[in-house]
Amino acid sequence: MRGESRQATARGRLRFVVHEHAARRRHWDFRLELGGVLKSWALPKGPSLNPAEKRLAVQVEDHLLAYADYEGIIPPGQYGAGAVTVWDHGRWEPVGDLDPERQLERGDLSFRLYGRRLRGEFHLTRLRRAGREDDWLLIKKRDEYADPDWILPSALTPAKRKRLRLKISPCGSA
């Protein structure tokens, strides 16, 4: 993916990335390329291929496209301090008749992922709770990639952490 990032965008293919992030609390950052940025959600329990597991996805600020390939250790004192690694990446495409920006505005985005770990159809839906506009659910659709026995693997192994270098992310935050 690293070498094909610009080519994929030039051909109109949209990228996605999931970062595993060991900040104050370990979580996964789910990011979809859309409108020239990475639309981003923090997943406290990580993504799931089990359709019965609806995962809380808290929408956070958009990130620069350059952040898609970021791996490193954000220094103490910086926002998001801690180890960050690419947990999964690939391309994605919207599902349905509405364009994805309009789906997001409405609070319901259906899409298909083509990643190493995450494949098949997913749905992001905004929760309708007063004062909690940033809360969404990430739900796996029952398809050939669904796995009711899914166990979330970690990419931040001790060996991986040793290979990460101390550096600040391209957008200055996680």
N, C-alpha and C. Protein backbone atom coordinates (compact mmCIF):
# COMPACT_ATOMS: atom_id res chain seq x y z
N MET A 1 0.83 -1.20 0.00
CA MET A 1 0.00 0.00 0.00
C MET A 1 0.86 1.25 0.00
N ARG A 2 1.97 1.21 0.70
CA ARG A 2 2.77 2.43 0.83
C ARG A 2 3.15 3.00 -0.54
N GLY A 3 3.58 2.16 -1.45
CA GLY A 3 4.01 2.64 -2.75
C GLY A 3 2.87 2.98 -3.69
N GLU A 4 1.68 2.46 -3.43
CA GLU A 4 0.59 2.69 -4.37
C GLU A 4 -0.36 3.80 -3.91
N SER A 5 -0.07 4.48 -2.80
CA SER A 5 -0.98 5.47 -2.25
C SER A 5 -1.38 6.53 -3.26
N ARG A 6 -0.42 7.19 -3.89
CA ARG A 6 -0.76 8.24 -4.85
C ARG A 6 -1.40 7.68 -6.10
N GLN A 7 -0.93 6.52 -6.55
CA GLN A 7 -1.51 5.90 -7.74
C GLN A 7 -2.96 5.53 -7.49
N ALA A 8 -3.26 4.97 -6.31
CA ALA A 8 -4.62 4.56 -6.01
C ALA A 8 -5.55 5.77 -6.04
N THR A 9 -5.11 6.89 -5.44
CA THR A 9 -5.93 8.08 -5.43
C THR A 9 -6.11 8.61 -6.85
N ALA A 10 -5.07 8.56 -7.64
CA ALA A 10 -5.15 9.07 -9.01
C ALA A 10 -6.16 8.27 -9.84
N ARG A 11 -6.31 7.00 -9.55
CA ARG A 11 -7.26 6.17 -10.29
C ARG A 11 -8.67 6.27 -9.71
N GLY A 12 -8.85 7.08 -8.68
CA GLY A 12 -10.17 7.26 -8.09
C GLY A 12 -10.49 6.24 -7.01
N ARG A 13 -9.53 5.43 -6.62
CA ARG A 13 -9.76 4.45 -5.55
C ARG A 13 -9.57 5.13 -4.21
N LEU A 14 -10.45 4.85 -3.29
CA LEU A 14 -10.38 5.45 -1.96
C LEU A 14 -9.68 4.50 -1.00
N ARG A 15 -8.82 5.06 -0.16
CA ARG A 15 -8.07 4.26 0.80
C ARG A 15 -8.76 4.24 2.16
N PHE A 16 -8.49 3.19 2.91
CA PHE A 16 -8.83 3.18 4.32
C PHE A 16 -7.62 2.67 5.09
N VAL A 17 -7.57 3.04 6.36
CA VAL A 17 -6.52 2.54 7.24
C VAL A 17 -7.09 2.41 8.64
N VAL A 18 -6.61 1.41 9.35
CA VAL A 18 -6.93 1.25 10.77
C VAL A 18 -5.59 1.26 11.50
N HIS A 19 -5.45 2.23 12.41
CA HIS A 19 -4.26 2.31 13.25
C HIS A 19 -4.59 1.71 14.62
N GLU A 20 -3.68 0.88 15.13
CA GLU A 20 -3.77 0.48 16.52
C GLU A 20 -2.95 1.51 17.29
N HIS A 21 -3.52 2.06 18.35
CA HIS A 21 -2.92 3.21 19.02
C HIS A 21 -2.90 2.97 20.53
N ALA A 22 -1.73 2.83 21.08
CA ALA A 22 -1.56 2.64 22.52
C ALA A 22 -1.31 4.00 23.16
N ALA A 23 -2.36 4.77 23.30
CA ALA A 23 -2.28 6.07 23.97
C ALA A 23 -2.61 5.84 25.45
N ARG A 24 -3.24 6.83 26.10
CA ARG A 24 -3.64 6.60 27.49
C ARG A 24 -4.44 5.31 27.61
N ARG A 25 -5.32 5.10 26.66
CA ARG A 25 -6.07 3.86 26.56
C ARG A 25 -5.88 3.31 25.15
N ARG A 26 -5.61 2.03 25.05
CA ARG A 26 -5.45 1.43 23.73
C ARG A 26 -6.78 1.48 22.99
N HIS A 27 -6.71 1.86 21.73
CA HIS A 27 -7.88 1.90 20.87
C HIS A 27 -7.42 1.74 19.43
N TRP A 28 -8.36 1.68 18.52
CA TRP A 28 -8.07 1.59 17.10
C TRP A 28 -8.69 2.80 16.43
N ASP A 29 -7.95 3.41 15.51
CA ASP A 29 -8.44 4.57 14.76
C ASP A 29 -8.82 4.10 13.36
N PHE A 30 -10.09 4.21 13.03
CA PHE A 30 -10.62 3.79 11.75
C PHE A 30 -10.73 5.01 10.86
N ARG A 31 -10.10 4.96 9.67
CA ARG A 31 -10.03 6.15 8.82
C ARG A 31 -10.41 5.81 7.38
N LEU A 32 -11.28 6.64 6.81
CA LEU A 32 -11.71 6.50 5.42
C LEU A 32 -11.31 7.74 4.64
N GLU A 33 -10.64 7.56 3.52
CA GLU A 33 -10.31 8.68 2.65
C GLU A 33 -11.59 9.18 2.00
N LEU A 34 -11.84 10.47 2.16
CA LEU A 34 -13.03 11.07 1.57
C LEU A 34 -12.87 12.58 1.54
N GLY A 35 -13.10 13.19 0.41
CA GLY A 35 -13.01 14.64 0.29
C GLY A 35 -11.62 15.19 0.54
N GLY A 36 -10.58 14.43 0.24
CA GLY A 36 -9.21 14.92 0.39
C GLY A 36 -8.64 14.81 1.79
N VAL A 37 -9.37 14.17 2.71
CA VAL A 37 -8.88 13.97 4.07
C VAL A 37 -9.21 12.53 4.50
N LEU A 38 -8.73 12.18 5.68
CA LEU A 38 -9.11 10.91 6.29
C LEU A 38 -10.19 11.19 7.33
N LYS A 39 -11.42 10.81 7.05
CA LYS A 39 -12.49 10.88 8.04
C LYS A 39 -12.15 9.83 9.09
N SER A 40 -12.25 10.18 10.37
CA SER A 40 -11.69 9.33 11.41
C SER A 40 -12.64 9.09 12.57
N TRP A 41 -12.59 7.85 13.07
CA TRP A 41 -13.35 7.43 14.23
C TRP A 41 -12.44 6.64 15.15
N ALA A 42 -12.54 6.86 16.46
CA ALA A 42 -11.81 6.06 17.44
C ALA A 42 -12.71 4.90 17.87
N LEU A 43 -12.16 3.69 17.81
CA LEU A 43 -12.89 2.48 18.19
C LEU A 43 -12.27 1.94 19.48
N PRO A 44 -12.91 2.17 20.64
CA PRO A 44 -12.31 1.72 21.90
C PRO A 44 -12.06 0.21 21.95
N LYS A 45 -12.91 -0.59 21.33
CA LYS A 45 -12.75 -2.05 21.36
C LYS A 45 -12.24 -2.61 20.05
N GLY A 46 -11.91 -1.74 19.10
CA GLY A 46 -11.41 -2.19 17.81
C GLY A 46 -12.53 -2.65 16.89
N PRO A 47 -12.20 -2.90 15.63
CA PRO A 47 -13.21 -3.37 14.68
C PRO A 47 -13.52 -4.85 14.90
N SER A 48 -14.59 -5.32 14.30
CA SER A 48 -14.96 -6.72 14.43
C SER A 48 -15.52 -7.25 13.12
N LEU A 49 -15.25 -8.51 12.86
CA LEU A 49 -15.86 -9.20 11.72
C LEU A 49 -17.09 -9.99 12.15
N ASN A 50 -17.46 -9.88 13.41
CA ASN A 50 -18.65 -10.55 13.92
C ASN A 50 -19.84 -9.60 13.82
N PRO A 51 -20.83 -9.92 12.97
CA PRO A 51 -21.99 -9.03 12.80
C PRO A 51 -22.79 -8.80 14.08
N ALA A 52 -22.66 -9.68 15.05
CA ALA A 52 -23.40 -9.52 16.31
C ALA A 52 -22.75 -8.47 17.22
N GLU A 53 -21.52 -8.08 16.93
CA GLU A 53 -20.81 -7.10 17.75
C GLU A 53 -20.88 -5.73 17.10
N LYS A 54 -21.66 -4.85 17.68
CA LYS A 54 -21.75 -3.48 17.22
C LYS A 54 -20.72 -2.68 18.01
N ARG A 55 -19.78 -2.04 17.31
CA ARG A 55 -18.67 -1.36 17.97
C ARG A 55 -18.89 0.15 18.01
N LEU A 56 -18.73 0.74 19.20
CA LEU A 56 -18.78 2.18 19.34
C LEU A 56 -17.66 2.79 18.51
N ALA A 57 -17.98 3.82 17.74
CA ALA A 57 -17.01 4.54 16.91
C ALA A 57 -17.22 6.03 17.16
N VAL A 58 -16.29 6.66 17.85
CA VAL A 58 -16.41 8.07 18.20
C VAL A 58 -15.70 8.89 17.13
N GLN A 59 -16.47 9.70 16.41
CA GLN A 59 -15.88 10.50 15.34
C GLN A 59 -14.95 11.55 15.94
N VAL A 60 -13.75 11.63 15.37
CA VAL A 60 -12.75 12.60 15.80
C VAL A 60 -12.41 13.50 14.60
N GLU A 61 -11.48 14.42 14.80
CA GLU A 61 -11.14 15.36 13.72
C GLU A 61 -10.59 14.61 12.51
N ASP A 62 -10.83 15.21 11.35
CA ASP A 62 -10.25 14.67 10.11
C ASP A 62 -8.73 14.73 10.20
N HIS A 63 -8.08 13.80 9.52
CA HIS A 63 -6.62 13.76 9.49
C HIS A 63 -6.14 13.95 8.06
N LEU A 64 -4.91 14.42 7.93
CA LEU A 64 -4.28 14.58 6.63
C LEU A 64 -4.10 13.22 5.96
N LEU A 65 -4.15 13.18 4.64
CA LEU A 65 -3.92 11.93 3.92
C LEU A 65 -2.55 11.34 4.23
N ALA A 66 -1.58 12.19 4.50
CA ALA A 66 -0.22 11.73 4.81
C ALA A 66 -0.20 10.85 6.05
N TYR A 67 -1.20 10.96 6.89
CA TYR A 67 -1.24 10.19 8.12
C TYR A 67 -1.56 8.72 7.87
N ALA A 68 -2.05 8.37 6.70
CA ALA A 68 -2.45 6.99 6.41
C ALA A 68 -1.31 6.00 6.62
N ASP A 69 -0.10 6.39 6.30
CA ASP A 69 1.05 5.48 6.40
C ASP A 69 1.84 5.64 7.69
N TYR A 70 1.40 6.52 8.59
CA TYR A 70 2.18 6.82 9.79
C TYR A 70 2.27 5.63 10.74
N GLU A 71 3.48 5.36 11.19
CA GLU A 71 3.76 4.45 12.29
C GLU A 71 4.87 5.09 13.11
N GLY A 72 4.77 4.99 14.42
CA GLY A 72 5.81 5.54 15.26
C GLY A 72 5.34 5.64 16.69
N ILE A 73 6.15 6.32 17.48
CA ILE A 73 5.79 6.58 18.87
C ILE A 73 5.69 8.08 19.02
N ILE A 74 4.49 8.55 19.30
CA ILE A 74 4.29 9.98 19.51
C ILE A 74 4.84 10.31 20.89
N PRO A 75 5.73 11.30 20.97
CA PRO A 75 6.43 11.58 22.23
C PRO A 75 5.49 12.01 23.36
N PRO A 76 5.90 11.73 24.60
CA PRO A 76 5.14 12.22 25.75
C PRO A 76 4.99 13.73 25.67
N GLY A 77 3.85 14.22 26.11
CA GLY A 77 3.57 15.66 26.05
C GLY A 77 2.86 16.08 24.78
N GLN A 78 2.90 15.24 23.74
CA GLN A 78 2.18 15.51 22.50
C GLN A 78 0.78 14.90 22.58
N TYR A 79 -0.16 15.50 21.86
CA TYR A 79 -1.51 14.93 21.82
C TYR A 79 -1.44 13.51 21.23
N GLY A 80 -2.05 12.55 21.89
CA GLY A 80 -2.05 11.17 21.40
C GLY A 80 -0.77 10.42 21.69
N ALA A 81 0.01 10.88 22.67
CA ALA A 81 1.29 10.24 22.98
C ALA A 81 1.14 8.73 23.12
N GLY A 82 2.05 8.01 22.48
CA GLY A 82 2.04 6.56 22.56
C GLY A 82 2.36 5.93 21.22
N ALA A 83 2.41 4.61 21.20
CA ALA A 83 2.76 3.86 19.99
C ALA A 83 1.57 3.79 19.03
N VAL A 84 1.88 3.94 17.74
CA VAL A 84 0.87 3.87 16.68
C VAL A 84 1.41 2.97 15.58
N THR A 85 0.60 2.02 15.14
CA THR A 85 1.00 1.18 14.02
C THR A 85 -0.19 0.95 13.10
N VAL A 86 0.10 0.69 11.85
CA VAL A 86 -0.95 0.35 10.89
C VAL A 86 -1.39 -1.08 11.18
N TRP A 87 -2.64 -1.23 11.57
CA TRP A 87 -3.22 -2.53 11.89
C TRP A 87 -3.81 -3.18 10.63
N ASP A 88 -4.39 -2.35 9.77
CA ASP A 88 -4.93 -2.82 8.49
C ASP A 88 -5.01 -1.64 7.54
N HIS A 89 -5.01 -1.92 6.25
CA HIS A 89 -5.16 -0.88 5.24
C HIS A 89 -5.63 -1.53 3.95
N GLY A 90 -6.11 -0.72 3.07
CA GLY A 90 -6.59 -1.22 1.77
C GLY A 90 -7.40 -0.15 1.08
N ARG A 91 -8.36 -0.59 0.32
CA ARG A 91 -9.23 0.37 -0.36
C ARG A 91 -10.66 0.12 0.08
N TRP A 92 -11.51 1.12 -0.18
CA TRP A 92 -12.92 0.99 0.17
C TRP A 92 -13.77 1.62 -0.92
N GLU A 93 -15.02 1.22 -0.95
CA GLU A 93 -15.97 1.82 -1.88
C GLU A 93 -17.33 1.95 -1.20
N PRO A 94 -18.04 3.03 -1.50
CA PRO A 94 -19.37 3.21 -0.92
C PRO A 94 -20.36 2.21 -1.51
N VAL A 95 -21.39 1.90 -0.75
CA VAL A 95 -22.48 1.04 -1.19
C VAL A 95 -23.75 1.89 -1.16
N GLY A 96 -24.55 1.79 -2.19
CA GLY A 96 -25.81 2.53 -2.23
C GLY A 96 -25.81 3.60 -3.29
N ASP A 97 -26.97 4.24 -3.45
CA ASP A 97 -27.16 5.23 -4.50
C ASP A 97 -26.63 6.62 -4.14
N LEU A 98 -26.61 6.96 -2.86
CA LEU A 98 -26.14 8.28 -2.45
C LEU A 98 -24.62 8.32 -2.40
N ASP A 99 -24.06 9.50 -2.72
CA ASP A 99 -22.61 9.62 -2.62
C ASP A 99 -22.23 9.55 -1.13
N PRO A 100 -21.00 9.14 -0.84
CA PRO A 100 -20.62 8.90 0.56
C PRO A 100 -20.67 10.15 1.43
N GLU A 101 -20.38 11.35 0.88
CA GLU A 101 -20.48 12.57 1.69
C GLU A 101 -21.91 12.78 2.17
N ARG A 102 -22.86 12.54 1.28
CA ARG A 102 -24.28 12.70 1.62
C ARG A 102 -24.70 11.64 2.65
N GLN A 103 -24.19 10.41 2.49
CA GLN A 103 -24.50 9.37 3.47
C GLN A 103 -24.01 9.77 4.86
N LEU A 104 -22.77 10.31 4.92
CA LEU A 104 -22.23 10.75 6.20
C LEU A 104 -23.07 11.87 6.82
N GLU A 105 -23.47 12.84 5.99
CA GLU A 105 -24.31 13.93 6.48
C GLU A 105 -25.60 13.39 7.10
N ARG A 106 -26.15 12.36 6.49
CA ARG A 106 -27.39 11.76 6.99
C ARG A 106 -27.16 10.86 8.19
N GLY A 107 -25.91 10.48 8.43
CA GLY A 107 -25.59 9.66 9.58
C GLY A 107 -25.66 8.17 9.32
N ASP A 108 -25.61 7.76 8.06
CA ASP A 108 -25.64 6.34 7.70
C ASP A 108 -24.76 6.13 6.48
N LEU A 109 -23.62 5.47 6.67
CA LEU A 109 -22.69 5.21 5.58
C LEU A 109 -22.50 3.70 5.43
N SER A 110 -22.81 3.19 4.26
CA SER A 110 -22.57 1.77 3.96
C SER A 110 -21.40 1.70 2.99
N PHE A 111 -20.51 0.73 3.22
CA PHE A 111 -19.30 0.65 2.40
C PHE A 111 -18.75 -0.77 2.42
N ARG A 112 -17.90 -1.03 1.45
CA ARG A 112 -17.22 -2.31 1.33
C ARG A 112 -15.72 -2.06 1.50
N LEU A 113 -15.07 -2.90 2.32
CA LEU A 113 -13.63 -2.80 2.55
C LEU A 113 -12.91 -3.93 1.85
N TYR A 114 -11.73 -3.59 1.34
CA TYR A 114 -10.84 -4.56 0.71
C TYR A 114 -9.47 -4.42 1.37
N GLY A 115 -9.34 -5.00 2.56
CA GLY A 115 -8.10 -4.90 3.32
C GLY A 115 -7.47 -6.25 3.54
N ARG A 116 -6.39 -6.25 4.30
CA ARG A 116 -5.75 -7.52 4.66
C ARG A 116 -6.57 -8.26 5.69
N ARG A 117 -7.09 -7.53 6.68
CA ARG A 117 -7.87 -8.14 7.76
C ARG A 117 -9.36 -7.87 7.62
N LEU A 118 -9.71 -6.65 7.28
CA LEU A 118 -11.12 -6.29 7.16
C LEU A 118 -11.55 -6.36 5.71
N ARG A 119 -12.57 -7.18 5.47
CA ARG A 119 -13.10 -7.36 4.11
C ARG A 119 -14.61 -7.44 4.19
N GLY A 120 -15.23 -7.03 3.09
CA GLY A 120 -16.68 -7.15 3.01
C GLY A 120 -17.39 -5.86 3.37
N GLU A 121 -18.69 -5.98 3.59
CA GLU A 121 -19.53 -4.81 3.78
C GLU A 121 -19.68 -4.45 5.26
N PHE A 122 -19.63 -3.14 5.51
CA PHE A 122 -19.78 -2.58 6.85
C PHE A 122 -20.77 -1.42 6.79
N HIS A 123 -21.19 -1.00 7.95
CA HIS A 123 -22.12 0.12 8.05
C HIS A 123 -21.72 0.99 9.24
N LEU A 124 -21.64 2.28 9.04
CA LEU A 124 -21.45 3.25 10.12
C LEU A 124 -22.76 4.00 10.28
N THR A 125 -23.31 4.01 11.47
CA THR A 125 -24.55 4.73 11.72
C THR A 125 -24.41 5.60 12.96
N ARG A 126 -24.84 6.86 12.82
CA ARG A 126 -24.73 7.81 13.93
C ARG A 126 -25.80 7.49 14.97
N LEU A 127 -25.40 7.50 16.23
CA LEU A 127 -26.36 7.32 17.31
C LEU A 127 -27.08 8.64 17.53
N ARG A 128 -28.34 8.57 17.78
CA ARG A 128 -29.16 9.78 17.98
C ARG A 128 -29.36 10.01 19.47
N ARG A 129 -28.31 10.60 20.09
CA ARG A 129 -28.39 10.91 21.52
C ARG A 129 -28.05 12.38 21.71
N ALA A 130 -28.83 13.05 22.50
CA ALA A 130 -28.61 14.48 22.74
C ALA A 130 -27.21 14.72 23.29
N GLY A 131 -26.50 15.65 22.67
CA GLY A 131 -25.17 16.02 23.13
C GLY A 131 -24.08 15.04 22.76
N ARG A 132 -24.39 14.01 21.99
CA ARG A 132 -23.40 12.98 21.62
C ARG A 132 -23.39 12.78 20.11
N GLU A 133 -23.29 13.85 19.33
CA GLU A 133 -23.34 13.77 17.87
C GLU A 133 -22.17 13.01 17.27
N ASP A 134 -21.10 12.83 18.04
CA ASP A 134 -19.90 12.17 17.51
C ASP A 134 -19.93 10.65 17.69
N ASP A 135 -20.95 10.14 18.37
CA ASP A 135 -21.03 8.70 18.61
C ASP A 135 -21.71 7.97 17.45
N TRP A 136 -21.02 6.99 16.92
CA TRP A 136 -21.52 6.17 15.83
C TRP A 136 -21.37 4.70 16.23
N LEU A 137 -21.96 3.82 15.46
CA LEU A 137 -21.72 2.39 15.59
C LEU A 137 -21.13 1.88 14.29
N LEU A 138 -20.10 1.02 14.39
CA LEU A 138 -19.54 0.33 13.24
C LEU A 138 -20.04 -1.10 13.30
N ILE A 139 -20.72 -1.53 12.23
CA ILE A 139 -21.38 -2.83 12.21
C ILE A 139 -20.95 -3.60 10.97
N LYS A 140 -20.55 -4.84 11.14
CA LYS A 140 -20.21 -5.73 10.03
C LYS A 140 -21.48 -6.36 9.50
N LYS A 141 -21.64 -6.36 8.19
CA LYS A 141 -22.79 -7.00 7.56
C LYS A 141 -22.55 -8.51 7.46
N ARG A 142 -23.60 -9.27 7.54
CA ARG A 142 -23.49 -10.72 7.35
C ARG A 142 -23.23 -10.99 5.87
N ASP A 143 -22.00 -11.37 5.57
CA ASP A 143 -21.61 -11.70 4.20
C ASP A 143 -20.56 -12.80 4.27
N GLU A 144 -19.93 -13.12 3.14
CA GLU A 144 -18.97 -14.22 3.12
C GLU A 144 -17.73 -13.97 3.99
N TYR A 145 -17.50 -12.71 4.41
CA TYR A 145 -16.34 -12.38 5.24
C TYR A 145 -16.67 -12.30 6.73
N ALA A 146 -17.94 -12.40 7.07
CA ALA A 146 -18.35 -12.35 8.48
C ALA A 146 -17.76 -13.55 9.23
N ASP A 147 -17.39 -13.31 10.49
CA ASP A 147 -16.80 -14.36 11.31
C ASP A 147 -17.35 -14.27 12.73
N PRO A 148 -18.31 -15.13 13.08
CA PRO A 148 -18.90 -15.06 14.42
C PRO A 148 -17.92 -15.42 15.54
N ASP A 149 -16.79 -16.01 15.20
CA ASP A 149 -15.78 -16.38 16.20
C ASP A 149 -14.60 -15.40 16.22
N TRP A 150 -14.78 -14.22 15.65
CA TRP A 150 -13.72 -13.21 15.53
C TRP A 150 -13.08 -12.89 16.87
N ILE A 151 -11.77 -12.92 16.89
CA ILE A 151 -10.99 -12.45 18.04
C ILE A 151 -10.03 -11.39 17.50
N LEU A 152 -10.08 -10.21 18.08
CA LEU A 152 -9.29 -9.07 17.60
C LEU A 152 -7.81 -9.29 17.87
N PRO A 153 -6.99 -9.41 16.82
CA PRO A 153 -5.55 -9.56 17.04
C PRO A 153 -4.89 -8.20 17.24
N SER A 154 -3.80 -8.18 17.98
CA SER A 154 -3.04 -6.96 18.18
C SER A 154 -1.85 -6.94 17.23
N ALA A 155 -1.54 -5.76 16.70
CA ALA A 155 -0.36 -5.59 15.86
C ALA A 155 0.79 -4.97 16.66
N LEU A 156 0.48 -4.42 17.83
CA LEU A 156 1.50 -3.77 18.66
C LEU A 156 2.16 -4.79 19.59
N THR A 157 2.89 -5.69 18.97
CA THR A 157 3.63 -6.69 19.73
C THR A 157 4.87 -6.05 20.33
N PRO A 158 5.49 -6.68 21.31
CA PRO A 158 6.74 -6.13 21.85
C PRO A 158 7.81 -5.93 20.77
N ALA A 159 7.91 -6.86 19.82
CA ALA A 159 8.90 -6.70 18.74
C ALA A 159 8.57 -5.50 17.86
N LYS A 160 7.28 -5.28 17.57
CA LYS A 160 6.88 -4.14 16.75
C LYS A 160 7.19 -2.82 17.48
N ARG A 161 6.90 -2.78 18.77
CA ARG A 161 7.18 -1.55 19.54
C ARG A 161 8.67 -1.20 19.51
N LYS A 162 9.54 -2.20 19.55
CA LYS A 162 10.98 -1.96 19.49
C LYS A 162 11.39 -1.34 18.16
N ARG A 163 10.69 -1.70 17.09
CA ARG A 163 11.05 -1.18 15.76
C ARG A 163 10.52 0.23 15.51
N LEU A 164 9.54 0.65 16.27
CA LEU A 164 8.98 1.99 16.07
C LEU A 164 9.95 3.04 16.60
N ARG A 165 10.04 4.14 15.87
CA ARG A 165 10.94 5.23 16.26
C ARG A 165 10.12 6.39 16.84
N LEU A 166 10.71 7.11 17.74
CA LEU A 166 10.08 8.29 18.32
C LEU A 166 9.95 9.36 17.24
N LYS A 167 8.74 9.73 16.90
CA LYS A 167 8.54 10.79 15.92
C LYS A 167 7.13 11.37 16.05
N ILE A 168 6.99 12.58 15.57
CA ILE A 168 5.69 13.25 15.62
C ILE A 168 4.95 12.94 14.32
N SER A 169 3.66 12.71 14.45
CA SER A 169 2.85 12.36 13.28
C SER A 169 2.79 13.51 12.29
N PRO A 170 2.46 13.22 11.02
CA PRO A 170 2.41 14.27 9.99
C PRO A 170 1.41 15.38 10.30
N CYS A 171 0.38 15.06 11.07
CA CYS A 171 -0.61 16.10 11.36
C CYS A 171 -0.42 16.69 12.75
N GLY A 172 0.64 16.29 13.43
CA GLY A 172 0.93 16.86 14.74
C GLY A 172 0.05 16.32 15.85
N SER A 173 -0.83 15.37 15.51
CA SER A 173 -1.70 14.75 16.50
C SER A 173 -1.97 13.33 16.07
N ALA A 174 -2.58 12.58 16.91
CA ALA A 174 -2.94 11.20 16.57
C ALA A 174 -4.36 11.18 16.17
